Amino acid sequence: MNVLRRKWQGLPRGVVVCITALVIYVPLLFIVVQSFLSAPFFSRSKSWSLEAFAFIFTDPDFLSGIKVRFYSGLWPGDYRHSAGRYFGVSDGAHRFNPAGGSLSR
């Protein structure tokens, strides 16, 4: 173990940084490339497309979630009022009503 440790410590810092970057970024590259394909890597019928992004950005739940995250970013301390109706968060004064609004105690 000490021999291996001494061997790695003897490498220049730039080489270690490059090896670390490859270990981290090569798997991420596969994920990014796959997001631009219409089928899995191994499929013969794959082609470059934006179908995956069109599917995500036309989903009403995704757009609702983006809106909630935007509002909670604008008013981070006031999350119960800005996003509470989406997440079902109650401030203790009212019970959560999934149909909308709040029920008094």
PDB file of N, CA and C in Angstrom:
ATOM      1  N   MET A   1       0.821  -1.194   0.000  1.00  0.00           N
ATOM      2  CA  MET A   1       0.000   0.000   0.000  1.00  0.00           C
ATOM      3  C   MET A   1       0.861   1.252   0.000  1.00  0.00           C
ATOM      4  N   ASN A   2       1.930   1.240   0.797  1.00  0.00           N
ATOM      5  CA  ASN A   2       2.808   2.405   0.846  1.00  0.00           C
ATOM      6  C   ASN A   2       3.515   2.629  -0.480  1.00  0.00           C
ATOM      7  N   VAL A   3       3.822   1.539  -1.185  1.00  0.00           N
ATOM      8  CA  VAL A   3       4.486   1.667  -2.488  1.00  0.00           C
ATOM      9  C   VAL A   3       3.553   2.377  -3.468  1.00  0.00           C
ATOM     10  N   LEU A   4       2.280   1.984  -3.472  1.00  0.00           N
ATOM     11  CA  LEU A   4       1.304   2.618  -4.353  1.00  0.00           C
ATOM     12  C   LEU A   4       1.111   4.088  -3.984  1.00  0.00           C
ATOM     13  N   ARG A   5       1.058   4.376  -2.701  1.00  0.00           N
ATOM     14  CA  ARG A   5       0.896   5.755  -2.250  1.00  0.00           C
ATOM     15  C   ARG A   5       2.077   6.604  -2.691  1.00  0.00           C
ATOM     16  N   ARG A   6       3.292   6.096  -2.536  1.00  0.00           N
ATOM     17  CA  ARG A   6       4.479   6.849  -2.951  1.00  0.00           C
ATOM     18  C   ARG A   6       4.487   7.058  -4.458  1.00  0.00           C
ATOM     19  N   LYS A   7       3.999   6.072  -5.199  1.00  0.00           N
ATOM     20  CA  LYS A   7       3.961   6.183  -6.651  1.00  0.00           C
ATOM     21  C   LYS A   7       3.022   7.315  -7.075  1.00  0.00           C
ATOM     22  N   TRP A   8       1.831   7.396  -6.469  1.00  0.00           N
ATOM     23  CA  TRP A   8       0.879   8.459  -6.793  1.00  0.00           C
ATOM     24  C   TRP A   8       1.374   9.814  -6.328  1.00  0.00           C
ATOM     25  N   GLN A   9       2.047   9.867  -5.190  1.00  0.00           N
ATOM     26  CA  GLN A   9       2.556  11.140  -4.687  1.00  0.00           C
ATOM     27  C   GLN A   9       3.689  11.662  -5.550  1.00  0.00           C
ATOM     28  N   GLY A  10       4.350  10.782  -6.288  1.00  0.00           N
ATOM     29  CA  GLY A  10       5.444  11.209  -7.147  1.00  0.00           C
ATOM     30  C   GLY A  10       4.981  11.807  -8.465  1.00  0.00           C
ATOM     31  N   LEU A  11       3.709  11.633  -8.816  1.00  0.00           N
ATOM     32  CA  LEU A  11       3.200  12.187 -10.068  1.00  0.00           C
ATOM     33  C   LEU A  11       3.030  13.699  -9.950  1.00  0.00           C
ATOM     34  N   PRO A  12       3.230  14.406 -11.046  1.00  0.00           N
ATOM     35  CA  PRO A  12       2.974  15.852 -11.020  1.00  0.00           C
ATOM     36  C   PRO A  12       1.492  16.130 -10.748  1.00  0.00           C
ATOM     37  N   ARG A  13       1.229  17.256 -10.129  1.00  0.00           N
ATOM     38  CA  ARG A  13      -0.135  17.620  -9.747  1.00  0.00           C
ATOM     39  C   ARG A  13      -1.055  17.694 -10.966  1.00  0.00           C
ATOM     40  N   GLY A  14      -0.565  18.203 -12.080  1.00  0.00           N
ATOM     41  CA  GLY A  14      -1.384  18.317 -13.289  1.00  0.00           C
ATOM     42  C   GLY A  14      -1.866  16.974 -13.799  1.00  0.00           C
ATOM     43  N   VAL A  15      -1.015  15.945 -13.694  1.00  0.00           N
ATOM     44  CA  VAL A  15      -1.409  14.605 -14.135  1.00  0.00           C
ATOM     45  C   VAL A  15      -2.521  14.066 -13.240  1.00  0.00           C
ATOM     46  N   VAL A  16      -2.387  14.270 -11.950  1.00  0.00           N
ATOM     47  CA  VAL A  16      -3.411  13.803 -11.007  1.00  0.00           C
ATOM     48  C   VAL A  16      -4.730  14.532 -11.255  1.00  0.00           C
ATOM     49  N   VAL A  17      -4.660  15.827 -11.514  1.00  0.00           N
ATOM     50  CA  VAL A  17      -5.877  16.597 -11.794  1.00  0.00           C
ATOM     51  C   VAL A  17      -6.538  16.098 -13.078  1.00  0.00           C
ATOM     52  N   CYS A  18      -5.757  15.819 -14.106  1.00  0.00           N
ATOM     53  CA  CYS A  18      -6.311  15.317 -15.375  1.00  0.00           C
ATOM     54  C   CYS A  18      -6.960  13.945 -15.200  1.00  0.00           C
ATOM     55  N   ILE A  19      -6.322  13.060 -14.464  1.00  0.00           N
ATOM     56  CA  ILE A  19      -6.898  11.733 -14.226  1.00  0.00           C
ATOM     57  C   ILE A  19      -8.208  11.859 -13.452  1.00  0.00           C
ATOM     58  N   THR A  20      -8.215  12.709 -12.435  1.00  0.00           N
ATOM     59  CA  THR A  20      -9.430  12.915 -11.644  1.00  0.00           C
ATOM     60  C   THR A  20     -10.546  13.499 -12.510  1.00  0.00           C
ATOM     61  N   ALA A  21     -10.222  14.465 -13.353  1.00  0.00           N
ATOM     62  CA  ALA A  21     -11.226  15.069 -14.233  1.00  0.00           C
ATOM     63  C   ALA A  21     -11.805  14.035 -15.191  1.00  0.00           C
ATOM     64  N   LEU A  22     -10.962  13.161 -15.729  1.00  0.00           N
ATOM     65  CA  LEU A  22     -11.460  12.110 -16.623  1.00  0.00           C
ATOM     66  C   LEU A  22     -12.405  11.159 -15.900  1.00  0.00           C
ATOM     67  N   VAL A  23     -12.036  10.783 -14.693  1.00  0.00           N
ATOM     68  CA  VAL A  23     -12.871   9.855 -13.920  1.00  0.00           C
ATOM     69  C   VAL A  23     -14.234  10.476 -13.617  1.00  0.00           C
ATOM     70  N   ILE A  24     -14.275  11.783 -13.431  1.00  0.00           N
ATOM     71  CA  ILE A  24     -15.535  12.454 -13.100  1.00  0.00           C
ATOM     72  C   ILE A  24     -16.344  12.784 -14.352  1.00  0.00           C
ATOM     73  N   TYR A  25     -15.703  13.336 -15.373  1.00  0.00           N
ATOM     74  CA  TYR A  25     -16.442  13.898 -16.501  1.00  0.00           C
ATOM     75  C   TYR A  25     -16.781  12.913 -17.616  1.00  0.00           C
ATOM     76  N   VAL A  26     -16.069  11.826 -17.764  1.00  0.00           N
ATOM     77  CA  VAL A  26     -16.410  10.867 -18.825  1.00  0.00           C
ATOM     78  C   VAL A  26     -17.798  10.251 -18.594  1.00  0.00           C
ATOM     79  N   PRO A  27     -18.141   9.794 -17.396  1.00  0.00           N
ATOM     80  CA  PRO A  27     -19.516   9.295 -17.200  1.00  0.00           C
ATOM     81  C   PRO A  27     -20.575  10.377 -17.415  1.00  0.00           C
ATOM     82  N   LEU A  28     -20.276  11.611 -17.021  1.00  0.00           N
ATOM     83  CA  LEU A  28     -21.233  12.694 -17.250  1.00  0.00           C
ATOM     84  C   LEU A  28     -21.413  12.969 -18.742  1.00  0.00           C
ATOM     85  N   LEU A  29     -20.350  12.801 -19.507  1.00  0.00           N
ATOM     86  CA  LEU A  29     -20.434  12.996 -20.948  1.00  0.00           C
ATOM     87  C   LEU A  29     -21.411  11.999 -21.574  1.00  0.00           C
ATOM     88  N   PHE A  30     -21.388  10.749 -21.111  1.00  0.00           N
ATOM     89  CA  PHE A  30     -22.333   9.756 -21.621  1.00  0.00           C
ATOM     90  C   PHE A  30     -23.777  10.168 -21.336  1.00  0.00           C
ATOM     91  N   ILE A  31     -24.021  10.712 -20.171  1.00  0.00           N
ATOM     92  CA  ILE A  31     -25.377  11.142 -19.813  1.00  0.00           C
ATOM     93  C   ILE A  31     -25.826  12.295 -20.702  1.00  0.00           C
ATOM     94  N   VAL A  32     -24.943  13.256 -20.926  1.00  0.00           N
ATOM     95  CA  VAL A  32     -25.294  14.413 -21.759  1.00  0.00           C
ATOM     96  C   VAL A  32     -25.545  13.982 -23.200  1.00  0.00           C
ATOM     97  N   VAL A  33     -24.688  13.140 -23.740  1.00  0.00           N
ATOM     98  CA  VAL A  33     -24.873  12.672 -25.120  1.00  0.00           C
ATOM     99  C   VAL A  33     -26.176  11.886 -25.239  1.00  0.00           C
ATOM    100  N   GLN A  34     -26.480  11.040 -24.257  1.00  0.00           N
ATOM    101  CA  GLN A  34     -27.713  10.249 -24.302  1.00  0.00           C
ATOM    102  C   GLN A  34     -28.944  11.149 -24.305  1.00  0.00           C
ATOM    103  N   SER A  35     -28.879  12.300 -23.646  1.00  0.00           N
ATOM    104  CA  SER A  35     -30.040  13.185 -23.611  1.00  0.00           C
ATOM    105  C   SER A  35     -30.343  13.793 -24.975  1.00  0.00           C
ATOM    106  N   PHE A  36     -29.374  13.788 -25.876  1.00  0.00           N
ATOM    107  CA  PHE A  36     -29.597  14.309 -27.222  1.00  0.00           C
ATOM    108  C   PHE A  36     -29.876  13.216 -28.251  1.00  0.00           C
ATOM    109  N   LEU A  37     -30.025  11.980 -27.826  1.00  0.00           N
ATOM    110  CA  LEU A  37     -30.331  10.878 -28.737  1.00  0.00           C
ATOM    111  C   LEU A  37     -31.805  10.502 -28.626  1.00  0.00           C
ATOM    112  N   SER A  38     -32.368  10.005 -29.725  1.00  0.00           N
ATOM    113  CA  SER A  38     -33.781   9.623 -29.734  1.00  0.00           C
ATOM    114  C   SER A  38     -34.012   8.213 -29.211  1.00  0.00           C
ATOM    115  N   ALA A  39     -32.947   7.432 -29.052  1.00  0.00           N
ATOM    116  CA  ALA A  39     -33.038   6.050 -28.574  1.00  0.00           C
ATOM    117  C   ALA A  39     -31.763   5.745 -27.783  1.00  0.00           C
ATOM    118  N   PRO A  40     -31.703   4.603 -27.100  1.00  0.00           N
ATOM    119  CA  PRO A  40     -30.488   4.260 -26.350  1.00  0.00           C
ATOM    120  C   PRO A  40     -29.256   4.144 -27.253  1.00  0.00           C
ATOM    121  N   PHE A  41     -28.080   4.259 -26.634  1.00  0.00           N
ATOM    122  CA  PHE A  41     -26.811   4.175 -27.366  1.00  0.00           C
ATOM    123  C   PHE A  41     -26.747   2.961 -28.285  1.00  0.00           C
ATOM    124  N   PHE A  42     -27.174   1.821 -27.771  1.00  0.00           N
ATOM    125  CA  PHE A  42     -26.986   0.557 -28.478  1.00  0.00           C
ATOM    126  C   PHE A  42     -28.024   0.311 -29.571  1.00  0.00           C
ATOM    127  N   SER A  43     -29.002   1.171 -29.706  1.00  0.00           N
ATOM    128  CA  SER A  43     -30.045   0.995 -30.715  1.00  0.00           C
ATOM    129  C   SER A  43     -29.538   1.445 -32.088  1.00  0.00           C
ATOM    130  N   ARG A  44     -29.870   0.667 -33.105  1.00  0.00           N
ATOM    131  CA  ARG A  44     -29.444   1.035 -34.464  1.00  0.00           C
ATOM    132  C   ARG A  44     -30.261   2.202 -35.014  1.00  0.00           C
ATOM    133  N   SER A  45     -31.449   2.392 -34.505  1.00  0.00           N
ATOM    134  CA  SER A  45     -32.333   3.425 -35.053  1.00  0.00           C
ATOM    135  C   SER A  45     -32.194   4.764 -34.332  1.00  0.00           C
ATOM    136  N   LYS A  46     -31.136   4.958 -33.586  1.00  0.00           N
ATOM    137  CA  LYS A  46     -30.987   6.222 -32.853  1.00  0.00           C
ATOM    138  C   LYS A  46     -30.602   7.343 -33.813  1.00  0.00           C
ATOM    139  N   SER A  47     -30.982   8.549 -33.444  1.00  0.00           N
ATOM    140  CA  SER A  47     -30.600   9.737 -34.204  1.00  0.00           C
ATOM    141  C   SER A  47     -30.524  10.913 -33.235  1.00  0.00           C
ATOM    142  N   TRP A  48     -29.859  11.945 -33.663  1.00  0.00           N
ATOM    143  CA  TRP A  48     -29.753  13.142 -32.832  1.00  0.00           C
ATOM    144  C   TRP A  48     -31.094  13.858 -32.841  1.00  0.00           C
ATOM    145  N   SER A  49     -31.608  14.200 -31.666  1.00  0.00           N
ATOM    146  CA  SER A  49     -32.897  14.888 -31.591  1.00  0.00           C
ATOM    147  C   SER A  49     -33.026  15.598 -30.248  1.00  0.00           C
ATOM    148  N   LEU A  50     -34.065  16.386 -30.159  1.00  0.00           N
ATOM    149  CA  LEU A  50     -34.387  17.088 -28.914  1.00  0.00           C
ATOM    150  C   LEU A  50     -35.695  16.572 -28.320  1.00  0.00           C
ATOM    151  N   GLU A  51     -36.081  15.344 -28.665  1.00  0.00           N
ATOM    152  CA  GLU A  51     -37.345  14.770 -28.193  1.00  0.00           C
ATOM    153  C   GLU A  51     -37.424  14.717 -26.674  1.00  0.00           C
ATOM    154  N   ALA A  52     -36.333  14.369 -26.023  1.00  0.00           N
ATOM    155  CA  ALA A  52     -36.347  14.259 -24.561  1.00  0.00           C
ATOM    156  C   ALA A  52     -36.639  15.612 -23.922  1.00  0.00           C
ATOM    157  N   PHE A  53     -36.067  16.667 -24.479  1.00  0.00           N
ATOM    158  CA  PHE A  53     -36.303  17.995 -23.924  1.00  0.00           C
ATOM    159  C   PHE A  53     -37.712  18.473 -24.231  1.00  0.00           C
ATOM    160  N   ALA A  54     -38.230  18.151 -25.403  1.00  0.00           N
ATOM    161  CA  ALA A  54     -39.604  18.521 -25.742  1.00  0.00           C
ATOM    162  C   ALA A  54     -40.583  17.831 -24.801  1.00  0.00           C
ATOM    163  N   PHE A  55     -40.312  16.575 -24.481  1.00  0.00           N
ATOM    164  CA  PHE A  55     -41.171  15.834 -23.555  1.00  0.00           C
ATOM    165  C   PHE A  55     -41.178  16.491 -22.177  1.00  0.00           C
ATOM    166  N   ILE A  56     -40.011  16.884 -21.690  1.00  0.00           N
ATOM    167  CA  ILE A  56     -39.914  17.477 -20.353  1.00  0.00           C
ATOM    168  C   ILE A  56     -40.580  18.841 -20.306  1.00  0.00           C
ATOM    169  N   PHE A  57     -40.280  19.699 -21.286  1.00  0.00           N
ATOM    170  CA  PHE A  57     -40.767  21.074 -21.224  1.00  0.00           C
ATOM    171  C   PHE A  57     -42.244  21.210 -21.570  1.00  0.00           C
ATOM    172  N   THR A  58     -42.874  20.177 -22.107  1.00  0.00           N
ATOM    173  CA  THR A  58     -44.318  20.227 -22.341  1.00  0.00           C
ATOM    174  C   THR A  58     -45.107  19.557 -21.224  1.00  0.00           C
ATOM    175  N   ASP A  59     -44.437  18.992 -20.244  1.00  0.00           N
ATOM    176  CA  ASP A  59     -45.100  18.338 -19.115  1.00  0.00           C
ATOM    177  C   ASP A  59     -45.609  19.402 -18.147  1.00  0.00           C
ATOM    178  N   PRO A  60     -46.916  19.458 -17.862  1.00  0.00           N
ATOM    179  CA  PRO A  60     -47.443  20.493 -16.967  1.00  0.00           C
ATOM    180  C   PRO A  60     -46.898  20.386 -15.540  1.00  0.00           C
ATOM    181  N   ASP A  61     -46.609  19.185 -15.068  1.00  0.00           N
ATOM    182  CA  ASP A  61     -46.054  19.049 -13.721  1.00  0.00           C
ATOM    183  C   ASP A  61     -44.655  19.641 -13.638  1.00  0.00           C
ATOM    184  N   PHE A  62     -43.862  19.479 -14.681  1.00  0.00           N
ATOM    185  CA  PHE A  62     -42.522  20.056 -14.696  1.00  0.00           C
ATOM    186  C   PHE A  62     -42.607  21.578 -14.671  1.00  0.00           C
ATOM    187  N   LEU A  63     -43.489  22.141 -15.488  1.00  0.00           N
ATOM    188  CA  LEU A  63     -43.627  23.596 -15.520  1.00  0.00           C
ATOM    189  C   LEU A  63     -44.134  24.127 -14.184  1.00  0.00           C
ATOM    190  N   SER A  64     -45.035  23.394 -13.550  1.00  0.00           N
ATOM    191  CA  SER A  64     -45.519  23.791 -12.230  1.00  0.00           C
ATOM    192  C   SER A  64     -44.386  23.751 -11.209  1.00  0.00           C
ATOM    193  N   GLY A  65     -43.557  22.733 -11.276  1.00  0.00           N
ATOM    194  CA  GLY A  65     -42.427  22.635 -10.359  1.00  0.00           C
ATOM    195  C   GLY A  65     -41.418  23.743 -10.564  1.00  0.00           C
ATOM    196  N   ILE A  66     -41.171  24.108 -11.813  1.00  0.00           N
ATOM    197  CA  ILE A  66     -40.252  25.216 -12.102  1.00  0.00           C
ATOM    198  C   ILE A  66     -40.810  26.514 -11.526  1.00  0.00           C
ATOM    199  N   LYS A  67     -42.125  26.714 -11.667  1.00  0.00           N
ATOM    200  CA  LYS A  67     -42.745  27.924 -11.142  1.00  0.00           C
ATOM    201  C   LYS A  67     -42.615  27.984  -9.613  1.00  0.00           C
ATOM    202  N   VAL A  68     -42.842  26.856  -8.959  1.00  0.00           N
ATOM    203  CA  VAL A  68     -42.726  26.805  -7.501  1.00  0.00           C
ATOM    204  C   VAL A  68     -41.298  27.103  -7.071  1.00  0.00           C
ATOM    205  N   ARG A  69     -40.317  26.515  -7.737  1.00  0.00           N
ATOM    206  CA  ARG A  69     -38.917  26.750  -7.378  1.00  0.00           C
ATOM    207  C   ARG A  69     -38.538  28.206  -7.618  1.00  0.00           C
ATOM    208  N   PHE A  70     -39.083  28.810  -8.661  1.00  0.00           N
ATOM    209  CA  PHE A  70     -38.798  30.212  -8.936  1.00  0.00           C
ATOM    210  C   PHE A  70     -39.347  31.094  -7.824  1.00  0.00           C
ATOM    211  N   TYR A  71     -40.607  30.869  -7.449  1.00  0.00           N
ATOM    212  CA  TYR A  71     -41.207  31.680  -6.401  1.00  0.00           C
ATOM    213  C   TYR A  71     -40.541  31.456  -5.049  1.00  0.00           C
ATOM    214  N   SER A  72     -40.174  30.226  -4.744  1.00  0.00           N
ATOM    215  CA  SER A  72     -39.511  29.978  -3.462  1.00  0.00           C
ATOM    216  C   SER A  72     -38.109  30.565  -3.461  1.00  0.00           C
ATOM    217  N   GLY A  73     -37.512  30.761  -4.624  1.00  0.00           N
ATOM    218  CA  GLY A  73     -36.220  31.442  -4.699  1.00  0.00           C
ATOM    219  C   GLY A  73     -36.357  32.938  -4.500  1.00  0.00           C
ATOM    220  N   LEU A  74     -37.479  33.504  -4.924  1.00  0.00           N
ATOM    221  CA  LEU A  74     -37.694  34.936  -4.727  1.00  0.00           C
ATOM    222  C   LEU A  74     -37.973  35.270  -3.271  1.00  0.00           C
ATOM    223  N   TRP A  75     -38.742  34.416  -2.605  1.00  0.00           N
ATOM    224  CA  TRP A  75     -39.097  34.639  -1.214  1.00  0.00           C
ATOM    225  C   TRP A  75     -38.716  33.416  -0.389  1.00  0.00           C
ATOM    226  N   PRO A  76     -37.423  33.186  -0.135  1.00  0.00           N
ATOM    227  CA  PRO A  76     -37.009  31.939   0.521  1.00  0.00           C
ATOM    228  C   PRO A  76     -37.523  31.792   1.945  1.00  0.00           C
ATOM    229  N   GLY A  77     -37.717  32.873   2.671  1.00  0.00           N
ATOM    230  CA  GLY A  77     -38.191  32.765   4.043  1.00  0.00           C
ATOM    231  C   GLY A  77     -39.685  32.567   4.129  1.00  0.00           C
ATOM    232  N   ASP A  78     -40.373  32.783   3.051  1.00  0.00           N
ATOM    233  CA  ASP A  78     -41.829  32.743   3.039  1.00  0.00           C
ATOM    234  C   ASP A  78     -42.329  31.571   2.198  1.00  0.00           C
ATOM    235  N   TYR A  79     -41.675  30.413   2.337  1.00  0.00           N
ATOM    236  CA  TYR A  79     -42.010  29.272   1.498  1.00  0.00           C
ATOM    237  C   TYR A  79     -43.404  28.741   1.756  1.00  0.00           C
ATOM    238  N   ARG A  80     -43.944  28.930   2.966  1.00  0.00           N
ATOM    239  CA  ARG A  80     -45.266  28.381   3.261  1.00  0.00           C
ATOM    240  C   ARG A  80     -46.341  29.065   2.435  1.00  0.00           C
ATOM    241  N   HIS A  81     -46.134  30.352   2.147  1.00  0.00           N
ATOM    242  CA  HIS A  81     -47.171  31.080   1.424  1.00  0.00           C
ATOM    243  C   HIS A  81     -46.956  31.031  -0.080  1.00  0.00           C
ATOM    244  N   SER A  82     -45.697  31.004  -0.518  1.00  0.00           N
ATOM    245  CA  SER A  82     -45.444  31.020  -1.958  1.00  0.00           C
ATOM    246  C   SER A  82     -45.598  29.641  -2.578  1.00  0.00           C
ATOM    247  N   ALA A  83     -45.174  28.599  -1.880  1.00  0.00           N
ATOM    248  CA  ALA A  83     -45.204  27.264  -2.469  1.00  0.00           C
ATOM    249  C   ALA A  83     -45.999  26.274  -1.630  1.00  0.00           C
ATOM    250  N   GLY A  84     -46.564  26.715  -0.532  1.00  0.00           N
ATOM    251  CA  GLY A  84     -47.245  25.807   0.374  1.00  0.00           C
ATOM    252  C   GLY A  84     -48.416  25.083  -0.238  1.00  0.00           C
ATOM    253  N   ARG A  85     -49.124  25.745  -1.123  1.00  0.00           N
ATOM    254  CA  ARG A  85     -50.282  25.078  -1.720  1.00  0.00           C
ATOM    255  C   ARG A  85     -49.868  23.958  -2.652  1.00  0.00           C
ATOM    256  N   TYR A  86     -48.631  23.995  -3.170  1.00  0.00           N
ATOM    257  CA  TYR A  86     -48.153  22.913  -4.024  1.00  0.00           C
ATOM    258  C   TYR A  86     -47.586  21.764  -3.204  1.00  0.00           C
ATOM    259  N   PHE A  87     -46.899  22.098  -2.104  1.00  0.00           N
ATOM    260  CA  PHE A  87     -46.223  21.078  -1.313  1.00  0.00           C
ATOM    261  C   PHE A  87     -47.056  20.583  -0.142  1.00  0.00           C
ATOM    262  N   GLY A  88     -48.145  21.252   0.171  1.00  0.00           N
ATOM    263  CA  GLY A  88     -48.961  20.843   1.294  1.00  0.00           C
ATOM    264  C   GLY A  88     -48.356  21.238   2.624  1.00  0.00           C
ATOM    265  N   VAL A  89     -47.622  22.346   2.656  1.00  0.00           N
ATOM    266  CA  VAL A  89     -46.979  22.804   3.882  1.00  0.00           C
ATOM    267  C   VAL A  89     -47.981  23.631   4.669  1.00  0.00           C
ATOM    268  N   SER A  90     -48.063  23.366   5.946  1.00  0.00           N
ATOM    269  CA  SER A  90     -48.961  24.119   6.807  1.00  0.00           C
ATOM    270  C   SER A  90     -48.150  24.883   7.835  1.00  0.00           C
ATOM    271  N   ASP A  91     -48.583  26.089   8.156  1.00  0.00           N
ATOM    272  CA  ASP A  91     -47.864  26.887   9.150  1.00  0.00           C
ATOM    273  C   ASP A  91     -48.360  26.627  10.569  1.00  0.00           C
ATOM    274  N   GLY A  92     -49.238  25.677  10.751  1.00  0.00           N
ATOM    275  CA  GLY A  92     -49.733  25.343  12.078  1.00  0.00           C
ATOM    276  C   GLY A  92     -51.037  26.043  12.406  1.00  0.00           C
ATOM    277  N   ALA A  93     -51.314  27.179  11.793  1.00  0.00           N
ATOM    278  CA  ALA A  93     -52.538  27.912  12.062  1.00  0.00           C
ATOM    279  C   ALA A  93     -53.713  27.333  11.279  1.00  0.00           C
ATOM    280  N   HIS A  94     -53.419  26.691  10.179  1.00  0.00           N
ATOM    281  CA  HIS A  94     -54.463  26.136   9.334  1.00  0.00           C
ATOM    282  C   HIS A  94     -54.105  24.711   8.959  1.00  0.00           C
ATOM    283  N   ARG A  95     -55.128  23.922   8.735  1.00  0.00           N
ATOM    284  CA  ARG A  95     -54.899  22.574   8.220  1.00  0.00           C
ATOM    285  C   ARG A  95     -54.870  22.638   6.704  1.00  0.00           C
ATOM    286  N   PHE A  96     -54.090  21.769   6.104  1.00  0.00           N
ATOM    287  CA  PHE A  96     -53.983  21.753   4.646  1.00  0.00           C
ATOM    288  C   PHE A  96     -55.207  21.100   4.034  1.00  0.00           C
ATOM    289  N   ASN A  97     -55.744  21.733   3.017  1.00  0.00           N
ATOM    290  CA  ASN A  97     -56.881  21.211   2.281  1.00  0.00           C
ATOM    291  C   ASN A  97     -56.430  20.966   0.842  1.00  0.00           C
ATOM    292  N   PRO A  98     -56.321  19.698   0.399  1.00  0.00           N
ATOM    293  CA  PRO A  98     -55.836  19.421  -0.951  1.00  0.00           C
ATOM    294  C   PRO A  98     -56.699  20.031  -2.048  1.00  0.00           C
ATOM    295  N   ALA A  99     -57.959  20.332  -1.751  1.00  0.00           N
ATOM    296  CA  ALA A  99     -58.842  20.915  -2.759  1.00  0.00           C
ATOM    297  C   ALA A  99     -58.569  22.400  -2.952  1.00  0.00           C
ATOM    298  N   GLY A 100     -57.722  22.976  -2.129  1.00  0.00           N
ATOM    299  CA  GLY A 100     -57.410  24.394  -2.236  1.00  0.00           C
ATOM    300  C   GLY A 100     -57.885  25.137  -1.010  1.00  0.00           C
ATOM    301  N   GLY A 101     -57.193  26.178  -0.674  1.00  0.00           N
ATOM    302  CA  GLY A 101     -57.545  26.956   0.498  1.00  0.00           C
ATOM    303  C   GLY A 101     -57.119  26.251   1.766  1.00  0.00           C
ATOM    304  N   SER A 102     -57.656  26.677   2.882  1.00  0.00           N
ATOM    305  CA  SER A 102     -57.314  26.037   4.145  1.00  0.00           C
ATOM    306  C   SER A 102     -58.572  25.886   4.984  1.00  0.00           C
ATOM    307  N   LEU A 103     -58.531  24.933   5.863  1.00  0.00           N
ATOM    308  CA  LEU A 103     -59.644  24.690   6.765  1.00  0.00           C
ATOM    309  C   LEU A 103     -59.285  25.267   8.123  1.00  0.00           C
ATOM    310  N   SER A 104     -60.234  25.910   8.775  1.00  0.00           N
ATOM    311  CA  SER A 104     -59.935  26.440  10.113  1.00  0.00           C
ATOM    312  C   SER A 104     -59.932  25.300  11.112  1.00  0.00           C
ATOM    313  N   ARG A 105     -59.235  25.502  12.216  1.00  0.00           N
ATOM    314  CA  ARG A 105     -59.132  24.455  13.238  1.00  0.00           C
ATOM    315  C   ARG A 105     -60.383  24.283  14.000  1.00  0.00           C
TER     316      ARG A 105
END
